C-alpha cells in the first residue's frame, strides 16, 4: 500500500471537527485558549475525572496548538478523533 493510498480521504489543510478526551478535570474557562472547543468534564465516584473537548478547528496547525496546550497542562490525552460535522 502506498502512502497516498493510506491517506486517501483524509484532509489535512482545512477545517474539521474533533473530539479530544483527556484525563483530569478542565474548566470550561479554558475554551477560548483551546480553539473555542466546547468543554465537558465528567466524573464518576471512584474514577479519575475525564474531560471531553469537541468542536471545529480551522486546520491541523490549530489542532496541534490545542494538543500542545493540553500537554503543557499535564493532562494525559486519552483520545483524539476527527468526527463528522453535526451541521
PDB file of N, CA and C in Angstrom:
ATOM      1  N   UNK A   1       0.847  -1.169   0.000  1.00  0.00           N
ATOM      2  CA  UNK A   1       0.000   0.000   0.000  1.00  0.00           C
ATOM      3  C   UNK A   1       0.893   1.233   0.000  1.00  0.00           C
ATOM      4  N   UNK A   2       0.655   2.137  -0.917  1.00  0.00           N
ATOM      5  CA  UNK A   2       1.452   3.360  -0.983  1.00  0.00           C
ATOM      6  C   UNK A   2       0.956   4.368   0.049  1.00  0.00           C
ATOM      7  N   UNK A   3       1.807   5.352   0.316  1.00  0.00           N
ATOM      8  CA  UNK A   3       1.439   6.388   1.280  1.00  0.00           C
ATOM      9  C   UNK A   3       0.195   7.130   0.843  1.00  0.00           C
ATOM     10  N   UNK A   4       0.071   7.405  -0.455  1.00  0.00           N
ATOM     11  CA  UNK A   4      -1.103   8.129  -0.938  1.00  0.00           C
ATOM     12  C   UNK A   4      -2.377   7.313  -0.761  1.00  0.00           C
ATOM     13  N   UNK A   5      -2.298   5.985  -0.904  1.00  0.00           N
ATOM     14  CA  UNK A   5      -3.466   5.130  -0.669  1.00  0.00           C
ATOM     15  C   UNK A   5      -3.856   5.136   0.803  1.00  0.00           C
ATOM     16  N   UNK A   6      -2.864   5.153   1.666  1.00  0.00           N
ATOM     17  CA  UNK A   6      -3.111   5.112   3.108  1.00  0.00           C
ATOM     18  C   UNK A   6      -3.829   6.363   3.594  1.00  0.00           C
ATOM     19  N   UNK A   7      -3.515   7.524   2.997  1.00  0.00           N
ATOM     20  CA  UNK A   7      -4.084   8.789   3.440  1.00  0.00           C
ATOM     21  C   UNK A   7      -5.250   9.252   2.576  1.00  0.00           C
ATOM     22  N   UNK A   8      -5.714   8.416   1.689  1.00  0.00           N
ATOM     23  CA  UNK A   8      -6.813   8.799   0.817  1.00  0.00           C
ATOM     24  C   UNK A   8      -8.040   9.149   1.658  1.00  0.00           C
ATOM     25  N   UNK A   9      -8.629  10.313   1.370  1.00  0.00           N
ATOM     26  CA  UNK A   9      -9.830  10.730   2.063  1.00  0.00           C
ATOM     27  C   UNK A   9      -9.575  11.540   3.322  1.00  0.00           C
ATOM     28  N   UNK A  10      -8.336  11.690   3.743  1.00  0.00           N
ATOM     29  CA  UNK A  10      -8.021  12.495   4.920  1.00  0.00           C
ATOM     30  C   UNK A  10      -7.562  13.861   4.449  1.00  0.00           C
ATOM     31  N   UNK A  11      -8.228  14.901   4.895  1.00  0.00           N
ATOM     32  CA  UNK A  11      -7.884  16.277   4.518  1.00  0.00           C
ATOM     33  C   UNK A  11      -7.111  16.919   5.660  1.00  0.00           C
ATOM     34  N   UNK A  12      -5.891  17.354   5.380  1.00  0.00           N
ATOM     35  CA  UNK A  12      -5.053  17.931   6.419  1.00  0.00           C
ATOM     36  C   UNK A  12      -5.064  19.448   6.444  1.00  0.00           C
ATOM     37  N   UNK A  13      -5.560  20.101   5.399  1.00  0.00           N
ATOM     38  CA  UNK A  13      -5.399  21.531   5.314  1.00  0.00           C
ATOM     39  C   UNK A  13      -6.588  22.375   5.696  1.00  0.00           C
ATOM     40  N   UNK A  14      -7.764  21.805   5.799  1.00  0.00           N
ATOM     41  CA  UNK A  14      -8.944  22.614   6.034  1.00  0.00           C
ATOM     42  C   UNK A  14      -9.573  22.375   7.383  1.00  0.00           C
ATOM     43  N   UNK A  15     -10.718  23.016   7.603  1.00  0.00           N
ATOM     44  CA  UNK A  15     -11.413  22.855   8.880  1.00  0.00           C
ATOM     45  C   UNK A  15     -11.965  21.445   9.057  1.00  0.00           C
ATOM     46  N   UNK A  16     -12.034  21.027  10.302  1.00  0.00           N
ATOM     47  CA  UNK A  16     -12.589  19.714  10.638  1.00  0.00           C
ATOM     48  C   UNK A  16     -13.062  19.751  12.088  1.00  0.00           C
ATOM     49  N   UNK A  17     -13.976  18.855  12.404  1.00  0.00           N
ATOM     50  CA  UNK A  17     -14.476  18.743  13.780  1.00  0.00           C
ATOM     51  C   UNK A  17     -13.744  17.619  14.496  1.00  0.00           C
ATOM     52  N   UNK A  18     -13.450  17.862  15.765  1.00  0.00           N
ATOM     53  CA  UNK A  18     -12.681  16.906  16.561  1.00  0.00           C
ATOM     54  C   UNK A  18     -13.330  16.672  17.908  1.00  0.00           C
ATOM     55  N   UNK A  19     -13.044  15.504  18.460  1.00  0.00           N
ATOM     56  CA  UNK A  19     -13.380  15.175  19.843  1.00  0.00           C
ATOM     57  C   UNK A  19     -12.066  14.731  20.494  1.00  0.00           C
ATOM     58  N   UNK A  20     -11.725  15.395  21.578  1.00  0.00           N
ATOM     59  CA  UNK A  20     -10.492  15.097  22.305  1.00  0.00           C
ATOM     60  C   UNK A  20     -10.880  14.776  23.741  1.00  0.00           C
ATOM     61  N   UNK A  21     -10.374  13.660  24.259  1.00  0.00           N
ATOM     62  CA  UNK A  21     -10.659  13.263  25.633  1.00  0.00           C
ATOM     63  C   UNK A  21      -9.344  13.247  26.405  1.00  0.00           C
ATOM     64  N   UNK A  22      -9.348  13.933  27.562  1.00  0.00           N
ATOM     65  CA  UNK A  22      -8.170  13.964  28.414  1.00  0.00           C
ATOM     66  C   UNK A  22      -8.532  13.457  29.804  1.00  0.00           C
ATOM     67  N   UNK A  23      -7.531  12.965  30.492  1.00  0.00           N
ATOM     68  CA  UNK A  23      -7.720  12.553  31.882  1.00  0.00           C
ATOM     69  C   UNK A  23      -7.559  13.778  32.753  1.00  0.00           C
ATOM     70  N   UNK A  24      -8.516  14.007  33.614  1.00  0.00           N
ATOM     71  CA  UNK A  24      -8.458  15.155  34.509  1.00  0.00           C
ATOM     72  C   UNK A  24      -9.651  16.062  34.307  1.00  0.00           C
ATOM     73  N   UNK A  25      -9.743  17.038  35.182  1.00  0.00           N
ATOM     74  CA  UNK A  25     -10.869  17.970  35.184  1.00  0.00           C
ATOM     75  C   UNK A  25     -10.382  19.314  34.653  1.00  0.00           C
ATOM     76  N   UNK A  26     -10.956  19.752  33.544  1.00  0.00           N
ATOM     77  CA  UNK A  26     -10.574  21.015  32.927  1.00  0.00           C
ATOM     78  C   UNK A  26     -11.783  21.935  32.912  1.00  0.00           C
ATOM     79  N   UNK A  27     -11.611  23.126  33.409  1.00  0.00           N
ATOM     80  CA  UNK A  27     -12.694  24.103  33.485  1.00  0.00           C
ATOM     81  C   UNK A  27     -13.085  24.602  32.090  1.00  0.00           C
ATOM     82  N   UNK A  28     -14.370  24.905  31.923  1.00  0.00           N
ATOM     83  CA  UNK A  28     -14.867  25.460  30.662  1.00  0.00           C
ATOM     84  C   UNK A  28     -14.239  26.832  30.375  1.00  0.00           C
ATOM     85  N   UNK A  29     -13.652  27.459  31.377  1.00  0.00           N
ATOM     86  CA  UNK A  29     -12.971  28.741  31.200  1.00  0.00           C
ATOM     87  C   UNK A  29     -11.807  28.651  30.205  1.00  0.00           C
ATOM     88  N   UNK A  30     -11.313  27.459  29.950  1.00  0.00           N
ATOM     89  CA  UNK A  30     -10.190  27.252  29.042  1.00  0.00           C
ATOM     90  C   UNK A  30     -10.615  27.245  27.572  1.00  0.00           C
ATOM     91  N   UNK A  31     -11.886  27.282  27.286  1.00  0.00           N
ATOM     92  CA  UNK A  31     -12.373  27.155  25.906  1.00  0.00           C
ATOM     93  C   UNK A  31     -11.713  28.144  24.946  1.00  0.00           C
ATOM     94  N   UNK A  32     -11.606  29.408  25.334  1.00  0.00           N
ATOM     95  CA  UNK A  32     -11.011  30.416  24.449  1.00  0.00           C
ATOM     96  C   UNK A  32      -9.560  30.101  24.108  1.00  0.00           C
ATOM     97  N   UNK A  33      -8.828  29.544  25.048  1.00  0.00           N
ATOM     98  CA  UNK A  33      -7.416  29.199  24.803  1.00  0.00           C
ATOM     99  C   UNK A  33      -7.263  27.879  24.080  1.00  0.00           C
ATOM    100  N   UNK A  34      -8.365  27.147  23.909  1.00  0.00           N
ATOM    101  CA  UNK A  34      -8.323  25.842  23.259  1.00  0.00           C
ATOM    102  C   UNK A  34      -9.198  25.836  22.007  1.00  0.00           C
ATOM    103  N   UNK A  35      -9.039  26.845  21.184  1.00  0.00           N
ATOM    104  CA  UNK A  35      -9.692  26.889  19.884  1.00  0.00           C
ATOM    105  C   UNK A  35     -11.193  27.071  19.932  1.00  0.00           C
ATOM    106  N   UNK A  36     -11.743  27.468  21.077  1.00  0.00           N
ATOM    107  CA  UNK A  36     -13.186  27.632  21.189  1.00  0.00           C
ATOM    108  C   UNK A  36     -13.948  26.327  21.312  1.00  0.00           C
ATOM    109  N   UNK A  37     -13.234  25.239  21.581  1.00  0.00           N
ATOM    110  CA  UNK A  37     -13.889  23.935  21.723  1.00  0.00           C
ATOM    111  C   UNK A  37     -14.800  23.920  22.947  1.00  0.00           C
ATOM    112  N   UNK A  38     -15.915  23.219  22.838  1.00  0.00           N
ATOM    113  CA  UNK A  38     -16.811  23.020  23.981  1.00  0.00           C
ATOM    114  C   UNK A  38     -16.133  22.047  24.937  1.00  0.00           C
ATOM    115  N   UNK A  39     -16.189  22.350  26.217  1.00  0.00           N
ATOM    116  CA  UNK A  39     -15.507  21.538  27.232  1.00  0.00           C
ATOM    117  C   UNK A  39     -16.540  20.964  28.186  1.00  0.00           C
ATOM    118  N   UNK A  40     -16.519  19.638  28.330  1.00  0.00           N
ATOM    119  CA  UNK A  40     -17.436  18.946  29.229  1.00  0.00           C
ATOM    120  C   UNK A  40     -16.636  18.013  30.131  1.00  0.00           C
ATOM    121  N   UNK A  41     -16.663  18.286  31.426  1.00  0.00           N
ATOM    122  CA  UNK A  41     -15.963  17.435  32.393  1.00  0.00           C
ATOM    123  C   UNK A  41     -16.954  16.440  32.985  1.00  0.00           C
ATOM    124  N   UNK A  42     -16.517  15.204  33.123  1.00  0.00           N
ATOM    125  CA  UNK A  42     -17.354  14.168  33.723  1.00  0.00           C
ATOM    126  C   UNK A  42     -16.566  13.444  34.804  1.00  0.00           C
ATOM    127  N   UNK A  43     -17.274  13.065  35.847  1.00  0.00           N
ATOM    128  CA  UNK A  43     -16.617  12.280  36.889  1.00  0.00           C
ATOM    129  C   UNK A  43     -17.620  11.283  37.448  1.00  0.00           C
ATOM    130  N   UNK A  44     -17.100  10.138  37.804  1.00  0.00           N
ATOM    131  CA  UNK A  44     -17.898   9.082  38.424  1.00  0.00           C
ATOM    132  C   UNK A  44     -17.208   8.704  39.723  1.00  0.00           C
ATOM    133  N   UNK A  45     -18.002   8.364  40.712  1.00  0.00           N
ATOM    134  CA  UNK A  45     -17.456   8.004  42.022  1.00  0.00           C
ATOM    135  C   UNK A  45     -16.382   6.930  41.870  1.00  0.00           C
ATOM    136  N   UNK A  46     -15.245   7.185  42.495  1.00  0.00           N
ATOM    137  CA  UNK A  46     -14.168   6.207  42.493  1.00  0.00           C
ATOM    138  C   UNK A  46     -13.350   6.159  41.213  1.00  0.00           C
ATOM    139  N   UNK A  47     -13.621   7.042  40.257  1.00  0.00           N
ATOM    140  CA  UNK A  47     -12.878   7.040  38.994  1.00  0.00           C
ATOM    141  C   UNK A  47     -12.234   8.401  38.772  1.00  0.00           C
ATOM    142  N   UNK A  48     -11.155   8.407  38.043  1.00  0.00           N
ATOM    143  CA  UNK A  48     -10.468   9.650  37.705  1.00  0.00           C
ATOM    144  C   UNK A  48     -11.342  10.426  36.719  1.00  0.00           C
ATOM    145  N   UNK A  49     -11.539  11.729  36.946  1.00  0.00           N
ATOM    146  CA  UNK A  49     -12.372  12.511  36.025  1.00  0.00           C
ATOM    147  C   UNK A  49     -11.771  12.568  34.621  1.00  0.00           C
ATOM    148  N   UNK A  50     -12.645  12.734  33.641  1.00  0.00           N
ATOM    149  CA  UNK A  50     -12.227  12.921  32.257  1.00  0.00           C
ATOM    150  C   UNK A  50     -12.915  14.168  31.718  1.00  0.00           C
ATOM    151  N   UNK A  51     -12.259  14.807  30.777  1.00  0.00           N
ATOM    152  CA  UNK A  51     -12.816  15.985  30.133  1.00  0.00           C
ATOM    153  C   UNK A  51     -12.837  15.748  28.631  1.00  0.00           C
ATOM    154  N   UNK A  52     -13.960  16.083  28.003  1.00  0.00           N
ATOM    155  CA  UNK A  52     -14.101  15.967  26.558  1.00  0.00           C
ATOM    156  C   UNK A  52     -14.166  17.366  25.959  1.00  0.00           C
ATOM    157  N   UNK A  53     -13.372  17.576  24.935  1.00  0.00           N
ATOM    158  CA  UNK A  53     -13.387  18.823  24.174  1.00  0.00           C
ATOM    159  C   UNK A  53     -13.907  18.480  22.787  1.00  0.00           C
ATOM    160  N   UNK A  54     -14.834  19.265  22.277  1.00  0.00           N
ATOM    161  CA  UNK A  54     -15.398  18.959  20.960  1.00  0.00           C
ATOM    162  C   UNK A  54     -15.722  20.241  20.220  1.00  0.00           C
ATOM    163  N   UNK A  55     -15.530  20.183  18.917  1.00  0.00           N
ATOM    164  CA  UNK A  55     -15.871  21.317  18.067  1.00  0.00           C
ATOM    165  C   UNK A  55     -14.989  21.369  16.845  1.00  0.00           C
ATOM    166  N   UNK A  56     -15.163  22.436  16.086  1.00  0.00           N
ATOM    167  CA  UNK A  56     -14.440  22.587  14.836  1.00  0.00           C
ATOM    168  C   UNK A  56     -13.182  23.417  15.027  1.00  0.00           C
ATOM    169  N   UNK A  57     -12.104  22.951  14.401  1.00  0.00           N
ATOM    170  CA  UNK A  57     -10.841  23.680  14.380  1.00  0.00           C
ATOM    171  C   UNK A  57     -10.513  24.027  12.935  1.00  0.00           C
ATOM    172  N   UNK A  58      -9.791  25.136  12.728  1.00  0.00           N
ATOM    173  CA  UNK A  58      -9.507  25.639  11.382  1.00  0.00           C
ATOM    174  C   UNK A  58      -8.676  24.683  10.547  1.00  0.00           C
ATOM    175  N   UNK A  59      -7.676  24.056  11.181  1.00  0.00           N
ATOM    176  CA  UNK A  59      -6.754  23.210  10.425  1.00  0.00           C
ATOM    177  C   UNK A  59      -5.905  22.380  11.391  1.00  0.00           C
ATOM    178  N   UNK A  60      -4.984  21.611  10.831  1.00  0.00           N
ATOM    179  CA  UNK A  60      -4.128  20.758  11.645  1.00  0.00           C
ATOM    180  C   UNK A  60      -3.214  21.585  12.553  1.00  0.00           C
ATOM    181  N   UNK A  61      -2.826  22.768  12.120  1.00  0.00           N
ATOM    182  CA  UNK A  61      -1.974  23.618  12.955  1.00  0.00           C
ATOM    183  C   UNK A  61      -2.710  24.027  14.225  1.00  0.00           C
ATOM    184  N   UNK A  62      -3.998  24.360  14.109  1.00  0.00           N
ATOM    185  CA  UNK A  62      -4.765  24.719  15.299  1.00  0.00           C
ATOM    186  C   UNK A  62      -4.946  23.499  16.204  1.00  0.00           C
ATOM    187  N   UNK A  63      -5.180  22.333  15.615  1.00  0.00           N
ATOM    188  CA  UNK A  63      -5.268  21.095  16.398  1.00  0.00           C
ATOM    189  C   UNK A  63      -3.967  20.860  17.160  1.00  0.00           C
ATOM    190  N   UNK A  64      -2.856  21.046  16.498  1.00  0.00           N
ATOM    191  CA  UNK A  64      -1.557  20.864  17.136  1.00  0.00           C
ATOM    192  C   UNK A  64      -1.381  21.821  18.315  1.00  0.00           C
ATOM    193  N   UNK A  65      -1.826  23.065  18.167  1.00  0.00           N
ATOM    194  CA  UNK A  65      -1.750  24.038  19.255  1.00  0.00           C
ATOM    195  C   UNK A  65      -2.598  23.638  20.448  1.00  0.00           C
ATOM    196  N   UNK A  66      -3.797  23.114  20.184  1.00  0.00           N
ATOM    197  CA  UNK A  66      -4.675  22.649  21.266  1.00  0.00           C
ATOM    198  C   UNK A  66      -4.004  21.489  22.003  1.00  0.00           C
ATOM    199  N   UNK A  67      -3.473  20.539  21.251  1.00  0.00           N
ATOM    200  CA  UNK A  67      -2.828  19.382  21.877  1.00  0.00           C
ATOM    201  C   UNK A  67      -1.600  19.801  22.683  1.00  0.00           C
ATOM    202  N   UNK A  68      -0.842  20.761  22.181  1.00  0.00           N
ATOM    203  CA  UNK A  68       0.331  21.254  22.904  1.00  0.00           C
ATOM    204  C   UNK A  68      -0.084  21.935  24.211  1.00  0.00           C
ATOM    205  N   UNK A  69      -1.172  22.699  24.181  1.00  0.00           N
ATOM    206  CA  UNK A  69      -1.660  23.348  25.401  1.00  0.00           C
ATOM    207  C   UNK A  69      -2.085  22.310  26.431  1.00  0.00           C
ATOM    208  N   UNK A  70      -2.814  21.287  25.990  1.00  0.00           N
ATOM    209  CA  UNK A  70      -3.226  20.224  26.910  1.00  0.00           C
ATOM    210  C   UNK A  70      -2.018  19.519  27.505  1.00  0.00           C
ATOM    211  N   UNK A  71      -1.010  19.279  26.672  1.00  0.00           N
ATOM    212  CA  UNK A  71       0.217  18.637  27.145  1.00  0.00           C
ATOM    213  C   UNK A  71       0.913  19.518  28.190  1.00  0.00           C
ATOM    214  N   UNK A  72       0.971  20.829  27.934  1.00  0.00           N
ATOM    215  CA  UNK A  72       1.642  21.731  28.878  1.00  0.00           C
ATOM    216  C   UNK A  72       0.876  21.840  30.201  1.00  0.00           C
ATOM    217  N   UNK A  73      -0.418  21.516  30.178  1.00  0.00           N
ATOM    218  CA  UNK A  73      -1.215  21.484  31.407  1.00  0.00           C
ATOM    219  C   UNK A  73      -1.086  20.147  32.140  1.00  0.00           C
ATOM    220  N   UNK A  74      -0.276  19.239  31.595  1.00  0.00           N
ATOM    221  CA  UNK A  74      -0.030  17.910  32.172  1.00  0.00           C
ATOM    222  C   UNK A  74      -1.306  17.072  32.236  1.00  0.00           C
ATOM    223  N   UNK A  75      -2.157  17.217  31.207  1.00  0.00           N
ATOM    224  CA  UNK A  75      -3.369  16.408  31.119  1.00  0.00           C
ATOM    225  C   UNK A  75      -3.117  15.272  30.135  1.00  0.00           C
ATOM    226  N   UNK A  76      -3.104  14.027  30.606  1.00  0.00           N
ATOM    227  CA  UNK A  76      -2.895  12.914  29.694  1.00  0.00           C
ATOM    228  C   UNK A  76      -3.993  12.875  28.621  1.00  0.00           C
ATOM    229  N   UNK A  77      -3.574  12.815  27.362  1.00  0.00           N
ATOM    230  CA  UNK A  77      -4.506  12.770  26.242  1.00  0.00           C
ATOM    231  C   UNK A  77      -4.881  11.310  26.001  1.00  0.00           C
ATOM    232  N   UNK A  78      -6.170  11.014  26.147  1.00  0.00           N
ATOM    233  CA  UNK A  78      -6.656   9.645  26.011  1.00  0.00           C
ATOM    234  C   UNK A  78      -7.139   9.326  24.600  1.00  0.00           C
ATOM    235  N   UNK A  79      -7.700  10.340  23.912  1.00  0.00           N
ATOM    236  CA  UNK A  79      -8.256  10.085  22.583  1.00  0.00           C
ATOM    237  C   UNK A  79      -8.329  11.380  21.791  1.00  0.00           C
ATOM    238  N   UNK A  80      -7.996  11.280  20.517  1.00  0.00           N
ATOM    239  CA  UNK A  80      -8.191  12.371  19.567  1.00  0.00           C
ATOM    240  C   UNK A  80      -8.834  11.740  18.349  1.00  0.00           C
ATOM    241  N   UNK A  81     -10.008  12.242  17.975  1.00  0.00           N
ATOM    242  CA  UNK A  81     -10.652  11.698  16.781  1.00  0.00           C
ATOM    243  C   UNK A  81     -11.316  12.789  15.984  1.00  0.00           C
ATOM    244  N   UNK A  82     -11.218  12.637  14.681  1.00  0.00           N
ATOM    245  CA  UNK A  82     -11.952  13.538  13.789  1.00  0.00           C
ATOM    246  C   UNK A  82     -13.357  12.988  13.688  1.00  0.00           C
ATOM    247  N   UNK A  83     -14.345  13.872  13.844  1.00  0.00           N
ATOM    248  CA  UNK A  83     -15.742  13.439  13.825  1.00  0.00           C
ATOM    249  C   UNK A  83     -16.466  14.134  12.679  1.00  0.00           C
ATOM    250  N   UNK A  84     -17.555  13.525  12.260  1.00  0.00           N
ATOM    251  CA  UNK A  84     -18.360  14.114  11.193  1.00  0.00           C
ATOM    252  C   UNK A  84     -18.996  15.391  11.708  1.00  0.00           C
ATOM    253  N   UNK A  85     -19.051  16.383  10.835  1.00  0.00           N
ATOM    254  CA  UNK A  85     -19.723  17.634  11.209  1.00  0.00           C
ATOM    255  C   UNK A  85     -21.169  17.341  11.528  1.00  0.00           C
ATOM    256  N   UNK A  86     -21.666  17.955  12.605  1.00  0.00           N
ATOM    257  CA  UNK A  86     -23.031  17.703  13.049  1.00  0.00           C
ATOM    258  C   UNK A  86     -24.014  18.682  12.440  1.00  0.00           C
ATOM    259  N   UNK A  87     -23.536  19.554  11.556  1.00  0.00           N
ATOM    260  CA  UNK A  87     -24.433  20.532  10.927  1.00  0.00           C
ATOM    261  C   UNK A  87     -25.148  19.955   9.734  1.00  0.00           C
TER     262      UNK A  87
END
